[in-house]
C-alpha atoms as a PDB file:
ATOM      1  CA  MET A   1      85.585 111.890 106.545  1.00  0.00           C
ATOM      2  CA  ASN A   2      88.866 112.738 104.821  1.00  0.00           C
ATOM      3  CA  THR A   3      89.104 115.516 102.263  1.00  0.00           C
ATOM      4  CA  TYR A   4      91.403 114.798  99.327  1.00  0.00           C
ATOM      5  CA  ARG A   5      93.079 117.211  96.937  1.00  0.00           C
ATOM      6  CA  ALA A   6      93.399 116.699  93.202  1.00  0.00           C
ATOM      7  CA  ALA A   7      94.894 118.676  90.344  1.00  0.00           C
ATOM      8  CA  ILE A   8      93.724 118.782  86.729  1.00  0.00           C
ATOM      9  CA  CYS A   9      96.205 119.925  84.080  1.00  0.00           C
ATOM     10  CA  GLU A  10      94.831 120.574  80.598  1.00  0.00           C
ATOM     11  CA  ASP A  11      96.093 123.302  78.277  1.00  0.00           C
ATOM     12  CA  SER A  12      92.685 123.916  76.690  1.00  0.00           C
ATOM     13  CA  PRO A  13      90.622 126.085  79.086  1.00  0.00           C
ATOM     14  CA  ARG A  14      87.332 124.908  77.571  1.00  0.00           C
ATOM     15  CA  THR A  15      88.233 121.232  77.917  1.00  0.00           C
ATOM     16  CA  LEU A  16      89.570 121.876  81.402  1.00  0.00           C
ATOM     17  CA  ASP A  17      86.217 123.324  82.481  1.00  0.00           C
ATOM     18  CA  VAL A  18      84.324 120.303  81.130  1.00  0.00           C
ATOM     19  CA  ILE A  19      86.639 117.778  82.809  1.00  0.00           C
ATOM     20  CA  HIS A  20      86.509 119.681  86.090  1.00  0.00           C
ATOM     21  CA  GLU A  21      82.722 119.895  86.067  1.00  0.00           C
ATOM     22  CA  GLN A  22      82.180 116.228  85.263  1.00  0.00           C
ATOM     23  CA  LEU A  23      84.736 114.980  87.772  1.00  0.00           C
ATOM     24  CA  SER A  24      83.257 117.160  90.524  1.00  0.00           C
ATOM     25  CA  GLU A  25      79.743 115.918  89.830  1.00  0.00           C
ATOM     26  CA  GLU A  26      80.754 112.259  89.729  1.00  0.00           C
ATOM     27  CA  PHE A  27      82.689 112.365  93.010  1.00  0.00           C
ATOM     28  CA  SER A  28      79.867 114.325  94.667  1.00  0.00           C
ATOM     29  CA  ARG A  29      77.382 111.611  93.719  1.00  0.00           C
ATOM     30  CA  ARG A  30      79.430 109.195  95.788  1.00  0.00           C
ATOM     31  CA  ASP A  31      79.817 111.567  98.759  1.00  0.00           C
ATOM     32  CA  PHE A  32      83.583 111.540  98.311  1.00  0.00           C
ATOM     33  CA  ASN A  33      85.156 114.759  99.537  1.00  0.00           C
ATOM     34  CA  ILE A  34      87.644 116.033  96.997  1.00  0.00           C
ATOM     35  CA  VAL A  35      88.873 119.541  96.184  1.00  0.00           C
ATOM     36  CA  PHE A  36      90.160 120.298  92.669  1.00  0.00           C
ATOM     37  CA  ASP A  37      92.752 122.816  91.539  1.00  0.00           C
ATOM     38  CA  CYS A  38      92.948 123.501  87.800  1.00  0.00           C
ATOM     39  CA  TYR A  39      96.032 124.306  85.720  1.00  0.00           C
ATOM     40  CA  THR A  40      96.519 125.162  82.070  1.00  0.00           C
ATOM     41  CA  GLU A  41     100.318 125.268  82.376  1.00  0.00           C
ATOM     42  CA  PRO A  42     102.240 122.111  83.370  1.00  0.00           C
ATOM     43  CA  LYS A  43     105.110 124.093  84.881  1.00  0.00           C
ATOM     44  CA  ALA A  44     102.753 125.845  87.286  1.00  0.00           C
ATOM     45  CA  LEU A  45     101.509 122.482  88.564  1.00  0.00           C
ATOM     46  CA  LEU A  46     105.068 121.151  88.793  1.00  0.00           C
ATOM     47  CA  ASP A  47     106.162 124.152  90.862  1.00  0.00           C
ATOM     48  CA  VAL A  48     103.273 123.684  93.298  1.00  0.00           C
ATOM     49  CA  CYS A  49     104.002 119.966  93.647  1.00  0.00           C
ATOM     50  CA  HIS A  50     107.688 120.573  94.297  1.00  0.00           C
ATOM     51  CA  ALA A  51     106.832 123.214  96.882  1.00  0.00           C
ATOM     52  CA  SER A  52     104.086 121.410  98.774  1.00  0.00           C
ATOM     53  CA  GLY A  53     103.186 118.002  97.348  1.00  0.00           C
ATOM     54  CA  LYS A  54      99.620 118.599  98.439  1.00  0.00           C
ATOM     55  CA  TYR A  55      97.883 116.478  95.792  1.00  0.00           C
ATOM     56  CA  GLN A  56      96.912 112.832  96.147  1.00  0.00           C
ATOM     57  CA  ILE A  57      95.440 112.584  92.628  1.00  0.00           C
ATOM     58  CA  LEU A  58      96.496 114.057  89.283  1.00  0.00           C
ATOM     59  CA  PHE A  59      94.442 114.224  86.077  1.00  0.00           C
ATOM     60  CA  LEU A  60      96.805 115.057  83.228  1.00  0.00           C
ATOM     61  CA  ASP A  61      96.551 115.699  79.532  1.00  0.00           C
ATOM     62  CA  ILE A  62      99.513 114.293  77.595  1.00  0.00           C
ATOM     63  CA  ASP A  63      99.954 116.610  74.619  1.00  0.00           C
ATOM     64  CA  MET A  64     100.853 119.909  76.314  1.00  0.00           C
ATOM     65  CA  PRO A  65     103.458 122.613  75.553  1.00  0.00           C
ATOM     66  CA  GLU A  66     106.797 122.867  77.361  1.00  0.00           C
ATOM     67  CA  ILE A  67     106.278 119.706  79.440  1.00  0.00           C
ATOM     68  CA  ASN A  68     104.129 116.843  78.173  1.00  0.00           C
ATOM     69  CA  GLY A  69     101.983 114.874  80.597  1.00  0.00           C
ATOM     70  CA  ILE A  70     104.278 111.850  80.737  1.00  0.00           C
ATOM     71  CA  GLU A  71     107.324 113.937  81.632  1.00  0.00           C
ATOM     72  CA  LEU A  72     105.256 115.958  84.105  1.00  0.00           C
ATOM     73  CA  CYS A  73     104.173 112.733  85.807  1.00  0.00           C
ATOM     74  CA  ARG A  74     107.758 111.475  85.921  1.00  0.00           C
ATOM     75  CA  ARG A  75     109.035 114.657  87.593  1.00  0.00           C
ATOM     76  CA  ILE A  76     106.256 114.749  90.181  1.00  0.00           C
ATOM     77  CA  ARG A  77     106.615 111.023  90.911  1.00  0.00           C
ATOM     78  CA  SER A  78     110.326 111.498  91.614  1.00  0.00           C
ATOM     79  CA  ASP A  79     109.284 113.299  94.811  1.00  0.00           C
ATOM     80  CA  TYR A  80     105.863 111.756  95.432  1.00  0.00           C
ATOM     81  CA  PRO A  81     105.788 108.190  94.043  1.00  0.00           C
ATOM     82  CA  GLU A  82     102.431 107.340  95.631  1.00  0.00           C
ATOM     83  CA  VAL A  83     100.407 110.010  93.821  1.00  0.00           C
ATOM     84  CA  ILE A  84      97.580 108.551  91.722  1.00  0.00           C
ATOM     85  CA  THR A  85      97.912 109.696  88.112  1.00  0.00           C
ATOM     86  CA  VAL A  86      95.199 109.506  85.466  1.00  0.00           C
ATOM     87  CA  PHE A  87      95.940 110.479  81.880  1.00  0.00           C
ATOM     88  CA  ILE A  88      93.016 111.993  79.961  1.00  0.00           C
ATOM     89  CA  SER A  89      94.094 112.217  76.360  1.00  0.00           C
ATOM     90  CA  GLY A  90      92.882 112.307  72.793  1.00  0.00           C
ATOM     91  CA  LYS A  91      96.096 110.551  71.733  1.00  0.00           C
ATOM     92  CA  GLU A  92      94.872 106.989  72.198  1.00  0.00           C
ATOM     93  CA  LYS A  93      98.006 105.415  70.701  1.00  0.00           C
ATOM     94  CA  MET A  94     100.087 107.005  73.459  1.00  0.00           C
ATOM     95  CA  VAL A  95      98.668 104.647  76.082  1.00  0.00           C
ATOM     96  CA  PHE A  96     101.678 102.370  75.559  1.00  0.00           C
ATOM     97  CA  GLN A  97     104.140 105.222  76.099  1.00  0.00           C
ATOM     98  CA  THR A  98     102.561 105.934  79.474  1.00  0.00           C
ATOM     99  CA  PHE A  99     103.465 102.481  80.806  1.00  0.00           C
ATOM    100  CA  GLU A 100     106.929 103.693  81.821  1.00  0.00           C
ATOM    101  CA  VAL A 101     105.423 105.985  84.476  1.00  0.00           C
ATOM    102  CA  ARG A 102     102.716 103.496  85.473  1.00  0.00           C
ATOM    103  CA  PRO A 103      99.605 105.670  85.594  1.00  0.00           C
ATOM    104  CA  PHE A 104      96.571 104.525  87.518  1.00  0.00           C
ATOM    105  CA  ARG A 105      94.405 104.798  84.394  1.00  0.00           C
ATOM    106  CA  PHE A 106      94.415 106.089  80.816  1.00  0.00           C
ATOM    107  CA  ILE A 107      91.081 107.617  79.775  1.00  0.00           C
ATOM    108  CA  ARG A 108      90.228 108.578  76.209  1.00  0.00           C
ATOM    109  CA  LYS A 109      88.807 112.062  75.816  1.00  0.00           C
ATOM    110  CA  SER A 110      86.403 110.768  73.186  1.00  0.00           C
ATOM    111  CA  HIS A 111      84.986 108.311  75.751  1.00  0.00           C
ATOM    112  CA  PHE A 112      85.452 110.375  78.895  1.00  0.00           C
ATOM    113  CA  THR A 113      81.775 110.576  79.860  1.00  0.00           C
ATOM    114  CA  GLU A 114      81.199 106.838  79.412  1.00  0.00           C
ATOM    115  CA  GLU A 115      84.363 105.789  81.237  1.00  0.00           C
ATOM    116  CA  LEU A 116      84.092 108.339  84.047  1.00  0.00           C
ATOM    117  CA  PRO A 117      81.825 106.382  86.483  1.00  0.00           C
ATOM    118  CA  ALA A 118      84.105 103.328  86.462  1.00  0.00           C
ATOM    119  CA  LEU A 119      87.175 105.564  86.842  1.00  0.00           C
ATOM    120  CA  VAL A 120      85.749 107.336  89.883  1.00  0.00           C
ATOM    121  CA  ASN A 121      84.745 104.037  91.481  1.00  0.00           C
ATOM    122  CA  ASP A 122      88.263 102.716  91.005  1.00  0.00           C
ATOM    123  CA  ILE A 123      89.873 105.867  92.421  1.00  0.00           C
ATOM    124  CA  ILE A 124      87.680 105.801  95.519  1.00  0.00           C
ATOM    125  CA  HIS A 125      88.504 102.133  96.040  1.00  0.00           C
ATOM    126  CA  GLU A 126      92.230 102.811  95.632  1.00  0.00           C
ATOM    127  CA  MET A 127      92.223 105.796  97.998  1.00  0.00           C
ATOM    128  CA  ARG A 128      90.499 103.759 100.675  1.00  0.00           C
ATOM    129  CA  MET A 129      93.044 100.999 100.190  1.00  0.00           C
ATOM    130  CA  GLN A 130      95.873 103.509 100.493  1.00  0.00           C
ATOM    131  CA  GLU A 131      94.492 104.627 103.812  1.00  0.00           C
ATOM    132  CA  GLY A 132      95.583 101.241 105.031  1.00  0.00           C
ATOM    133  CA  THR A 133      93.660  98.004 105.242  1.00  0.00           C
ATOM    134  CA  SER A 134      94.703  95.720 108.060  1.00  0.00           C
ATOM    135  CA  VAL A 135      94.245  91.964 107.866  1.00  0.00           C
ATOM    136  CA  SER A 136      94.640  89.601 110.802  1.00  0.00           C
ATOM    137  CA  VAL A 137      96.619  86.387 110.453  1.00  0.00           C
ATOM    138  CA  GLU A 138      96.577  83.660 113.098  1.00  0.00           C
ATOM    139  CA  GLU A 139      99.780  81.647 113.032  1.00  0.00           C
ATOM    140  CA  ARG A 140      99.441  77.904 112.713  1.00  0.00           C
ATOM    141  CA  TYR A 141     100.117  75.856 115.863  1.00  0.00           C
ATOM    142  CA  SER A 142     101.262  78.773 118.043  1.00  0.00           C
ATOM    143  CA  GLY A 143      98.014  80.730 117.789  1.00  0.00           C
ATOM    144  CA  ASN A 144      99.910  84.041 117.585  1.00  0.00           C
ATOM    145  CA  ILE A 145      97.942  86.739 115.802  1.00  0.00           C
ATOM    146  CA  TYR A 146      99.545  89.325 113.502  1.00  0.00           C
ATOM    147  CA  SER A 147      97.910  92.475 112.156  1.00  0.00           C
ATOM    148  CA  LEU A 148      99.337  93.349 108.739  1.00  0.00           C
ATOM    149  CA  ASN A 149      98.795  96.476 106.667  1.00  0.00           C
ATOM    150  CA  THR A 150      98.288  95.217 103.102  1.00  0.00           C
ATOM    151  CA  ASN A 151      99.915  98.324 101.623  1.00  0.00           C
ATOM    152  CA  GLN A 152     103.135  97.605 103.503  1.00  0.00           C
ATOM    153  CA  ILE A 153     103.528  94.023 102.246  1.00  0.00           C
ATOM    154  CA  ILE A 154     105.927  93.916  99.284  1.00  0.00           C
ATOM    155  CA  TYR A 155     105.889  90.155  98.785  1.00  0.00           C
ATOM    156  CA  ILE A 156     105.492  86.833 100.549  1.00  0.00           C
ATOM    157  CA  GLU A 157     107.726  83.816 100.007  1.00  0.00           C
ATOM    158  CA  SER A 158     106.839  80.252 100.944  1.00  0.00           C
ATOM    159  CA  LEU A 159     109.614  78.458 102.853  1.00  0.00           C
ATOM    160  CA  VAL A 160     108.600  74.858 103.576  1.00  0.00           C
ATOM    161  CA  LYS A 161     106.252  75.209 106.587  1.00  0.00           C
ATOM    162  CA  ASN A 162     106.654  78.971 106.981  1.00  0.00           C
ATOM    163  CA  CYS A 163     106.072  82.129 104.992  1.00  0.00           C
ATOM    164  CA  ARG A 164     108.586  84.947 104.832  1.00  0.00           C
ATOM    165  CA  ILE A 165     106.747  88.277 104.712  1.00  0.00           C
ATOM    166  CA  VAL A 166     108.781  91.158 103.334  1.00  0.00           C
ATOM    167  CA  LEU A 167     107.315  94.473 104.474  1.00  0.00           C
ATOM    168  CA  THR A 168     108.432  98.008 103.740  1.00  0.00           C
ATOM    169  CA  THR A 169     109.748  98.284 107.308  1.00  0.00           C
ATOM    170  CA  GLN A 170     110.719  94.750 108.382  1.00  0.00           C
ATOM    171  CA  GLU A 171     110.570  91.022 107.650  1.00  0.00           C
ATOM    172  CA  LEU A 172     108.505  88.395 109.439  1.00  0.00           C
ATOM    173  CA  LEU A 173     108.576  84.602 109.459  1.00  0.00           C
ATOM    174  CA  ILE A 174     105.133  83.151 110.120  1.00  0.00           C
ATOM    175  CA  GLN A 175     103.814  79.595 110.179  1.00  0.00           C
ATOM    176  CA  TYR A 176     101.172  79.989 107.484  1.00  0.00           C
ATOM    177  CA  ARG A 177     100.400  78.516 104.070  1.00  0.00           C
ATOM    178  CA  ILE A 178     100.921  80.685 101.021  1.00  0.00           C
ATOM    179  CA  LYS A 179      97.668  79.488  99.459  1.00  0.00           C
ATOM    180  CA  ASP A 180      95.845  80.862 102.520  1.00  0.00           C
ATOM    181  CA  PHE A 181      97.655  84.170 102.117  1.00  0.00           C
ATOM    182  CA  GLU A 182      96.634  84.177  98.457  1.00  0.00           C
ATOM    183  CA  ALA A 183      92.944  83.759  99.340  1.00  0.00           C
ATOM    184  CA  LEU A 184      93.219  86.475 102.009  1.00  0.00           C
ATOM    185  CA  LEU A 185      95.067  89.037  99.881  1.00  0.00           C
ATOM    186  CA  LYS A 186      93.733  88.481  96.359  1.00  0.00           C
ATOM    187  CA  GLN A 187      91.247  91.362  96.634  1.00  0.00           C
ATOM    188  CA  TYR A 188      94.055  93.751  97.613  1.00  0.00           C
ATOM    189  CA  GLY A 189      96.035  93.375  94.398  1.00  0.00           C
ATOM    190  CA  PHE A 190      98.375  90.472  95.167  1.00  0.00           C
ATOM    191  CA  LEU A 191      99.574  88.308  92.276  1.00  0.00           C
ATOM    192  CA  ARG A 192     100.899  84.724  92.296  1.00  0.00           C
ATOM    193  CA  PRO A 193     103.743  84.688  89.716  1.00  0.00           C
ATOM    194  CA  HIS A 194     105.242  81.474  91.072  1.00  0.00           C
ATOM    195  CA  ARG A 195     104.043  78.732  93.397  1.00  0.00           C
ATOM    196  CA  SER A 196     106.397  80.024  96.111  1.00  0.00           C
ATOM    197  CA  PHE A 197     105.669  83.760  95.812  1.00  0.00           C
ATOM    198  CA  LEU A 198     102.840  86.230  96.296  1.00  0.00           C
ATOM    199  CA  VAL A 199     103.576  89.811  95.183  1.00  0.00           C
ATOM    200  CA  ASN A 200     101.868  93.154  95.800  1.00  0.00           C
ATOM    201  CA  TYR A 201     101.362  94.591  92.304  1.00  0.00           C
ATOM    202  CA  ARG A 202     102.124  98.127  93.522  1.00  0.00           C
ATOM    203  CA  TYR A 203     105.768  97.211  94.007  1.00  0.00           C
ATOM    204  CA  ILE A 204     106.280  95.624  90.581  1.00  0.00           C
ATOM    205  CA  PHE A 205     108.596  97.750  88.453  1.00  0.00           C
ATOM    206  CA  SER A 206     108.604  95.545  85.341  1.00  0.00           C
ATOM    207  CA  ILE A 207     107.643  92.122  84.045  1.00  0.00           C
ATOM    208  CA  GLN A 208     110.451  90.321  82.242  1.00  0.00           C
ATOM    209  CA  LYS A 209     110.606  87.001  80.392  1.00  0.00           C
ATOM    210  CA  ASN A 210     110.868  84.853  83.506  1.00  0.00           C
ATOM    211  CA  THR A 211     111.132  87.331  86.388  1.00  0.00           C
ATOM    212  CA  LEU A 212     109.406  90.246  88.043  1.00  0.00           C
ATOM    213  CA  ILE A 213     111.609  93.183  88.955  1.00  0.00           C
ATOM    214  CA  LEU A 214     110.436  95.071  92.015  1.00  0.00           C
ATOM    215  CA  ASP A 215     110.873  98.726  92.901  1.00  0.00           C
ATOM    216  CA  ASN A 216     113.563  97.734  95.424  1.00  0.00           C
ATOM    217  CA  LYS A 217     115.485  95.953  92.591  1.00  0.00           C
ATOM    218  CA  GLU A 218     114.774  92.476  93.952  1.00  0.00           C
ATOM    219  CA  THR A 219     113.752  89.829  91.425  1.00  0.00           C
ATOM    220  CA  ILE A 220     110.904  87.343  91.805  1.00  0.00           C
ATOM    221  CA  PRO A 221     110.683  84.208  89.624  1.00  0.00           C
ATOM    222  CA  LEU A 222     107.856  84.113  87.081  1.00  0.00           C
ATOM    223  CA  SER A 223     106.628  80.681  86.023  1.00  0.00           C
ATOM    224  CA  ARG A 224     106.322  80.117  82.294  1.00  0.00           C
ATOM    225  CA  ASN A 225     102.707  79.002  82.576  1.00  0.00           C
ATOM    226  CA  ARG A 226     101.836  82.143  84.585  1.00  0.00           C
ATOM    227  CA  ILE A 227     103.307  84.797  82.278  1.00  0.00           C
ATOM    228  CA  THR A 228     100.145  85.609  80.306  1.00  0.00           C
ATOM    229  CA  THR A 229      97.907  85.600  83.375  1.00  0.00           C
ATOM    230  CA  ILE A 230     100.249  87.816  85.410  1.00  0.00           C
ATOM    231  CA  LYS A 231     100.577  90.332  82.563  1.00  0.00           C
ATOM    232  CA  GLU A 232      96.793  90.507  82.147  1.00  0.00           C
ATOM    233  CA  GLU A 233      96.175  90.886  85.882  1.00  0.00           C
ATOM    234  CA  PHE A 234      98.898  93.525  86.212  1.00  0.00           C
ATOM    235  CA  ILE A 235      97.543  95.597  83.313  1.00  0.00           C
ATOM    236  CA  THR A 236      93.992  95.338  84.655  1.00  0.00           C
ATOM    237  CA  LEU A 237      95.062  96.503  88.119  1.00  0.00           C
ATOM    238  CA  ASN A 238      97.160  99.382  86.747  1.00  0.00           C
ATOM    239  CA  TYR A 239      95.080 100.545  83.812  1.00  0.00           C
ATOM    240  CA  GLY A 240      91.621  99.043  84.229  1.00  0.00           C
ATOM    241  CA  GLY A 241      92.124  97.052  81.046  1.00  0.00           C
ATOM    242  CA  ALA A 242      92.903 100.161  78.968  1.00  0.00           C
END
């Protein structure tokens, strides 16, 4: 079983102790091996991340001296974009300001105990997904079988009788229906913004009026009748409905 490393950054030592204790207990209940390091100074955490990048998960307060949590997240993400970041803050109105750095979740300090079990479940699910989930696809007519890592699929485009699969490392053209891909990949965070496209939400940089902009700067069309649904699904996947 893998052992994961997480950092908690909270400038109040008393609050830090409480958060650390409750997180440790909740992960232990689920037999999930995770080691925590605690920081009261954002710069100390930033220095460690720049030097080693040893953390897969960050739990950050927002209102901290010298470097606030949002800026801290931005600087760490510049080197390690895949790190899971959870904001734990008493500044509930700041949830909207955190969108620019796309945290995994925003948890209110006043509701930390109640929201903790769902948060831990979601983190465990996400970490297991990040380990790589392979799905097998049997090509129509030819019978060729492809094994695809869901985390490496950026998007899929329907092209008449084929589907163009854009991966982080290559592109494939497979005889397969996009509606079958949608059924196969829905549980892994794939959204259908347009009848011809299926997109991995992890690679969506922003949602515009009629397009999705991806991390690689490509644009994907967004159907007018899908805008509300896509926004709701994207927010749920990123923030758990926060």
